[in-house]
Structures are given as C-alpha cells and as structure tokens.
C-alpha cells in the first residue's frame, strides 16, 4: 500500500491537490495536514496557476477527516494534541487565506475534518451521490469553535445546529439546498461537468479572480476589521493591467480573451 500523501499537479491554469489515501477514505494523517501550507504556497508562487482545486483520490471519498489510527501516537498528551491541532489549523488557514481562488471537488463522503477542510474553500462542487457529516457528537470529540463558526457562516445557525447536534448524514441534494455546496451534478455526468466548470474559472482573468477573492473574503469580516484599502488596490491593479486591455479587445472582436495575469 502506497504512503498516504497529497499529490500536486499543475495544468491548464489549475493546481490540483489530491488527498491520496483511498484505502482509508482519504483520511488525513498529521503529515498530510502539515503538507497543505507548503503546497498552497507552491500554487501561489506559480504564475501559471489561476485556481487551486482540492480533491480526493478515487470515487468513494473526498476526505473522511483525520486519520484516527494516528490518535494514539499523534493526538495523546497535551503537547501532542497542541501540535496536531496547530497542523490542522495551519492547513485550513492556508486554504482559507490563499490569494487565489480555491475549489473543493467532492465525490463520495466528506466527513468531519474533511468537510471542515472543504468549507475553507471558496467554492464546493459535488457529485449528487456525495455524503456529508460532522460526527463529533458520536465520537466524543470537541469540535473546534473555528469549524463551528465556518459552518454557521456557510449555512446559517439553524441548519448548522441540526448537522452538529444530530451528527446525521446529509445527502448531495440537501447539501446543495442548504448551501453547503454550490453545485451538484448527477454521478454519471459529474466528471465532465466539473471539468467544464473548473475550466471556465481557470480561463478567466487571474488578476480579477484574485481581486474578487479578496473582496469576498473581506465581506465575511466585521466592518471595522475589513481591509477595504487592500481590496481597492487589487481592483485598481485590474484596471491598469494588460489583461483589462485584452478583455476589451476580445469583447470587441468577438473572440475568447487570452489573459496573462499582467
């Protein structure tokens, strides 16, 4: 059996991070959590990358959460627990605060920490046969305030209370209705539909994507904590870019724009 890992691949403007431990439903080890910030930084530093996609290997799971088999060695004792939680938090914050848009491509189960990881992404798309659950109340785990806050922000207090307190499984149709995911497609058509959706984002103007990501992130903060100046600076950068000229020219000439991120 291959070593659990997160694979990294770049192509067509997309950096794909694939959680690769299908034998354990892509459960995340401590080492995998720890690898996420570096991989996100790699995508951030690659000028060709316009979109970061997080997905799971195979078709049975996006991510089943943390690899519980490690808890005896990696999550026992105060120091070990703190180190583990720090690695989880760093991985989630790397996705949440990435300058470039991040999309979770979900097929199969997204449970516990796996769902929390997906909620750190700007967009979530899923196969209709996917399943979502936060089983903390069935495991006796303390569920971090930051994760509760993220869930409430995405779907509201009532639905979040239902998911957390009941620990029940939510199917793909309900997940879309709740706003837990942005879009779902039937399983047979999911791969092609997801590819098309991702390609549509990745061919858009990269400077505009980053400006939009920044503005969207700031709207989630209290008014007195928003970096309005930073968002405005990115908007101004769009208007002074060569891509803005290219977008206008392509519109006039009725052709697909060729953006370069400059």
Protein backbone atom coordinates (compact mmCIF):
# COMPACT_ATOMS: atom_id res chain seq x y z
CA UNK A 1 0.00 0.00 0.00
CA UNK A 2 1.41 3.39 -1.00
CA UNK A 3 2.32 6.00 1.59
CA UNK A 4 -0.54 8.40 2.36
CA UNK A 5 0.19 11.73 0.73
CA UNK A 6 -1.21 14.79 -1.00
CA UNK A 7 -0.35 14.78 -4.69
CA UNK A 8 0.32 18.04 -6.53
CA UNK A 9 -0.29 18.56 -10.24
CA UNK A 10 -0.48 21.66 -12.44
CA UNK A 11 -2.14 22.01 -15.82
CA UNK A 12 -4.32 24.42 -17.76
CA UNK A 13 -4.13 27.11 -15.10
CA UNK A 14 -5.17 24.75 -12.29
CA UNK A 15 -3.11 23.41 -9.38
CA UNK A 16 -4.76 20.20 -8.15
CA UNK A 17 -4.08 18.93 -4.64
CA UNK A 18 -5.27 15.33 -4.35
CA UNK A 19 -5.71 13.76 -0.93
CA UNK A 20 -4.37 10.27 -1.57
CA UNK A 21 -5.21 7.59 0.97
CA UNK A 22 -8.17 5.83 -0.68
CA UNK A 23 -7.78 2.70 1.44
CA UNK A 24 -8.86 4.83 4.42
CA UNK A 25 -11.36 7.02 2.58
CA UNK A 26 -8.66 9.68 2.13
CA UNK A 27 -8.36 10.29 5.86
CA UNK A 28 -5.71 12.90 6.59
CA UNK A 29 -2.61 12.00 8.55
CA UNK A 30 -0.65 14.53 10.61
CA UNK A 31 1.93 14.62 7.83
CA UNK A 32 -0.74 15.35 5.20
CA UNK A 33 -2.21 18.19 7.26
CA UNK A 34 1.31 19.56 7.65
CA UNK A 35 1.95 19.43 3.89
CA UNK A 36 -1.01 21.60 2.90
CA UNK A 37 0.52 25.06 3.60
CA UNK A 38 3.59 24.32 1.51
CA UNK A 39 1.54 23.03 -1.41
CA UNK A 40 -0.75 26.06 -1.33
CA UNK A 41 2.32 28.32 -1.24
CA UNK A 42 3.71 26.45 -4.25
CA UNK A 43 0.50 27.12 -6.18
CA UNK A 44 0.50 30.75 -5.06
CA UNK A 45 4.04 31.20 -6.36
CA UNK A 46 3.30 29.70 -9.77
CA UNK A 47 2.26 32.46 -12.17
CA UNK A 48 0.51 29.94 -14.43
CA UNK A 49 -1.92 28.90 -11.68
CA UNK A 50 -5.24 30.74 -11.54
CA UNK A 51 -7.27 28.27 -9.48
CA UNK A 52 -6.41 25.77 -6.73
CA UNK A 53 -8.52 22.61 -6.66
CA UNK A 54 -8.65 20.27 -3.66
CA UNK A 55 -9.98 16.78 -4.27
CA UNK A 56 -9.73 13.16 -3.10
CA UNK A 57 -8.31 10.11 -4.85
CA UNK A 58 -10.85 7.63 -6.20
CA UNK A 59 -14.63 7.97 -6.25
CA UNK A 60 -15.58 6.83 -2.74
CA UNK A 61 -14.37 9.77 -0.67
CA UNK A 62 -13.29 13.37 -0.79
CA UNK A 63 -11.96 13.06 2.74
CA UNK A 64 -13.18 11.16 5.80
CA UNK A 65 -11.48 13.59 8.17
CA UNK A 66 -8.47 12.93 10.35
CA UNK A 67 -6.80 9.50 10.34
CA UNK A 68 -7.98 8.22 13.72
CA UNK A 69 -5.39 5.43 13.69
CA UNK A 70 -2.77 8.07 14.49
CA UNK A 71 -4.54 9.47 17.53
CA UNK A 72 -2.81 7.08 19.93
CA UNK A 73 0.61 8.47 19.00
CA UNK A 74 -0.07 11.86 17.43
CA UNK A 75 -3.01 13.12 19.50
CA UNK A 76 -2.43 11.83 23.02
CA UNK A 77 -0.94 14.07 25.67
CA UNK A 78 -1.18 17.84 25.88
CA UNK A 79 1.88 18.62 23.75
CA UNK A 80 0.91 16.15 21.04
CA UNK A 81 -2.67 17.42 20.93
CA UNK A 82 -1.47 21.01 20.60
CA UNK A 83 0.95 20.09 17.79
CA UNK A 84 -1.76 18.19 15.95
CA UNK A 85 -4.30 21.00 16.28
CA UNK A 86 -1.70 23.52 15.11
CA UNK A 87 -1.07 21.44 11.97
CA UNK A 88 -4.80 21.18 11.25
CA UNK A 89 -5.32 24.91 11.78
CA UNK A 90 -2.36 25.80 9.55
CA UNK A 91 -3.68 23.59 6.77
CA UNK A 92 -7.14 25.08 6.93
CA UNK A 93 -5.92 28.66 7.15
CA UNK A 94 -3.63 28.14 4.16
CA UNK A 95 -6.65 27.27 2.02
CA UNK A 96 -8.90 29.92 3.53
CA UNK A 97 -6.38 32.75 3.13
CA UNK A 98 -4.93 31.79 -0.25
CA UNK A 99 -4.81 34.79 -2.59
CA UNK A 100 -6.01 32.64 -5.47
CA UNK A 101 -9.50 31.05 -5.50
CA UNK A 102 -9.75 27.55 -4.03
CA UNK A 103 -12.37 24.98 -5.08
CA UNK A 104 -13.24 21.68 -3.39
CA UNK A 105 -14.13 18.97 -5.90
CA UNK A 106 -16.13 16.43 -3.89
CA UNK A 107 -17.06 12.89 -4.80
CA UNK A 108 -18.14 10.42 -2.13
CA UNK A 109 -18.01 11.19 1.56
CA UNK A 110 -16.86 14.44 3.16
CA UNK A 111 -16.99 13.80 6.89
CA UNK A 112 -15.67 15.62 9.94
CA UNK A 113 -12.35 17.30 9.24
CA UNK A 114 -12.83 16.56 5.56
CA UNK A 115 -15.98 18.67 5.47
CA UNK A 116 -14.28 21.36 7.56
CA UNK A 117 -11.47 21.40 5.00
CA UNK A 118 -13.98 21.79 2.15
CA UNK A 119 -15.63 24.68 3.99
CA UNK A 120 -12.29 26.52 3.93
CA UNK A 121 -12.51 26.63 0.13
CA UNK A 122 -14.25 29.42 -1.77
CA UNK A 123 -16.35 27.01 -3.83
CA UNK A 124 -17.56 23.44 -3.35
CA UNK A 125 -18.89 21.30 -6.17
CA UNK A 126 -20.06 17.74 -5.67
CA UNK A 127 -21.45 14.61 -7.22
CA UNK A 128 -25.11 14.15 -6.25
CA UNK A 129 -24.28 10.86 -4.52
CA UNK A 130 -21.83 12.55 -2.15
CA UNK A 131 -22.49 12.44 1.59
CA UNK A 132 -21.69 15.00 4.29
CA UNK A 133 -21.45 14.58 8.04
CA UNK A 134 -19.88 16.02 11.18
CA UNK A 135 -19.79 13.03 13.56
CA UNK A 136 -18.05 14.73 16.51
CA UNK A 137 -21.02 14.14 18.83
CA UNK A 138 -20.89 10.40 18.04
CA UNK A 139 -17.15 10.22 18.74
CA UNK A 140 -16.93 12.32 21.89
CA UNK A 141 -14.62 14.80 20.14
CA UNK A 142 -14.52 18.51 20.88
CA UNK A 143 -15.34 20.31 17.63
CA UNK A 144 -13.28 23.49 17.27
CA UNK A 145 -15.05 26.84 17.56
CA UNK A 146 -13.49 27.98 14.27
CA UNK A 147 -15.06 24.99 12.50
CA UNK A 148 -18.47 25.65 14.07
CA UNK A 149 -18.17 29.31 13.04
CA UNK A 150 -17.31 28.35 9.44
CA UNK A 151 -20.31 26.03 9.20
CA UNK A 152 -22.69 28.66 10.62
CA UNK A 153 -21.27 31.23 8.20
CA UNK A 154 -21.92 28.93 5.24
CA UNK A 155 -25.38 27.55 6.01
CA UNK A 156 -26.84 29.50 8.96
CA UNK A 157 -27.37 28.78 12.64
CA UNK A 158 -30.42 26.51 12.35
CA UNK A 159 -29.06 24.07 9.74
CA UNK A 160 -25.63 24.09 11.41
CA UNK A 161 -27.22 23.24 14.77
CA UNK A 162 -29.07 20.35 13.13
CA UNK A 163 -25.94 18.91 11.50
CA UNK A 164 -23.77 19.26 14.59
CA UNK A 165 -26.18 18.11 17.28
CA UNK A 166 -27.74 15.23 15.33
CA UNK A 167 -24.48 14.14 13.66
CA UNK A 168 -26.67 12.88 10.80
CA UNK A 169 -25.63 12.31 7.19
CA UNK A 170 -26.70 14.93 4.64
CA UNK A 171 -27.06 13.84 1.01
CA UNK A 172 -25.93 15.79 -2.03
CA UNK A 173 -29.34 17.27 -2.87
CA UNK A 174 -29.85 18.58 0.66
CA UNK A 175 -26.25 19.85 0.77
CA UNK A 176 -26.91 21.99 -2.30
CA UNK A 177 -30.23 23.19 -0.92
CA UNK A 178 -28.57 24.23 2.35
CA UNK A 179 -25.71 25.98 0.57
CA UNK A 180 -23.18 23.50 1.96
CA UNK A 181 -22.07 23.03 -1.66
CA UNK A 182 -22.50 25.45 -4.56
CA UNK A 183 -23.40 22.98 -7.30
CA UNK A 184 -24.08 19.27 -7.72
CA UNK A 185 -24.33 17.08 -10.79
CA UNK A 186 -25.55 13.51 -11.20
CA UNK A 187 -22.77 10.96 -10.74
CA UNK A 188 -22.53 9.88 -14.42
CA UNK A 189 -22.09 13.45 -15.65
CA UNK A 190 -20.10 14.80 -12.70
CA UNK A 191 -16.56 14.44 -14.03
CA UNK A 192 -17.23 16.25 -17.31
CA UNK A 193 -19.41 18.91 -15.70
CA UNK A 194 -16.81 19.53 -13.00
CA UNK A 195 -14.02 19.75 -15.60
CA UNK A 196 -16.03 22.28 -17.60
CA UNK A 197 -16.85 24.37 -14.53
CA UNK A 198 -13.22 24.40 -13.38
CA UNK A 199 -12.00 25.28 -16.89
CA UNK A 200 -14.47 28.19 -17.07
CA UNK A 201 -12.96 29.67 -13.89
CA UNK A 202 -9.36 28.96 -14.88
CA UNK A 203 -9.72 30.81 -18.20
CA UNK A 204 -10.94 33.99 -16.51
CA UNK A 205 -8.66 36.96 -15.82
CA UNK A 206 -6.33 35.95 -12.95
CA UNK A 207 -5.95 39.46 -11.53
CA UNK A 208 -9.73 39.84 -11.43
CA UNK A 209 -10.07 36.44 -9.75
CA UNK A 210 -7.64 37.49 -7.01
CA UNK A 211 -9.39 40.85 -6.56
CA UNK A 212 -12.76 39.13 -6.26
CA UNK A 213 -11.35 36.56 -3.81
CA UNK A 214 -10.02 39.38 -1.63
CA UNK A 215 -13.30 41.34 -1.68
CA UNK A 216 -15.38 38.26 -0.94
CA UNK A 217 -13.12 37.34 1.99
CA UNK A 218 -13.34 40.85 3.44
CA UNK A 219 -17.15 40.85 3.35
CA UNK A 220 -17.11 37.96 5.83
CA UNK A 221 -15.33 40.11 8.43
CA UNK A 222 -16.86 42.69 10.78
CA UNK A 223 -16.95 46.15 9.18
CA UNK A 224 -14.23 47.58 11.40
CA UNK A 225 -11.84 44.72 10.54
CA UNK A 226 -12.20 44.82 6.75
CA UNK A 227 -9.18 45.61 4.61
CA UNK A 228 -11.07 47.82 2.17
CA UNK A 229 -7.86 49.53 1.03
CA UNK A 230 -6.28 46.20 0.12
CA UNK A 231 -9.34 45.16 -1.87
CA UNK A 232 -9.48 48.52 -3.65
CA UNK A 233 -5.78 48.24 -4.54
CA UNK A 234 -6.36 44.89 -6.25
CA UNK A 235 -9.33 46.33 -8.16
CA UNK A 236 -7.16 49.25 -9.32
CA UNK A 237 -4.49 46.80 -10.43
CA UNK A 238 -7.04 45.13 -12.70
CA UNK A 239 -7.87 48.42 -14.44
CA UNK A 240 -4.19 49.22 -15.05
CA UNK A 241 -3.36 45.75 -16.40
CA UNK A 242 -2.71 44.50 -19.91
CA UNK A 243 -5.42 41.91 -19.27
CA UNK A 244 -8.00 44.70 -19.00
CA UNK A 245 -6.98 45.90 -22.47
CA UNK A 246 -7.08 42.33 -23.76
CA UNK A 247 -10.56 41.79 -22.31
CA UNK A 248 -11.91 44.87 -24.06
CA UNK A 249 -10.26 43.94 -27.36
CA UNK A 250 -11.57 40.38 -27.21
CA UNK A 251 -15.08 41.64 -26.49
CA UNK A 252 -14.99 43.99 -29.49
CA UNK A 253 -13.51 41.32 -31.76
CA UNK A 254 -15.94 38.64 -30.51
CA UNK A 255 -13.19 36.19 -29.56
CA UNK A 256 -12.03 34.37 -26.44
CA UNK A 257 -9.65 36.58 -24.41
CA UNK A 258 -6.12 35.37 -23.78
CA UNK A 259 -5.29 36.59 -20.29
CA UNK A 260 -1.72 36.52 -18.97
CA UNK A 261 -2.06 37.89 -15.46
CA UNK A 262 -0.23 41.14 -16.19
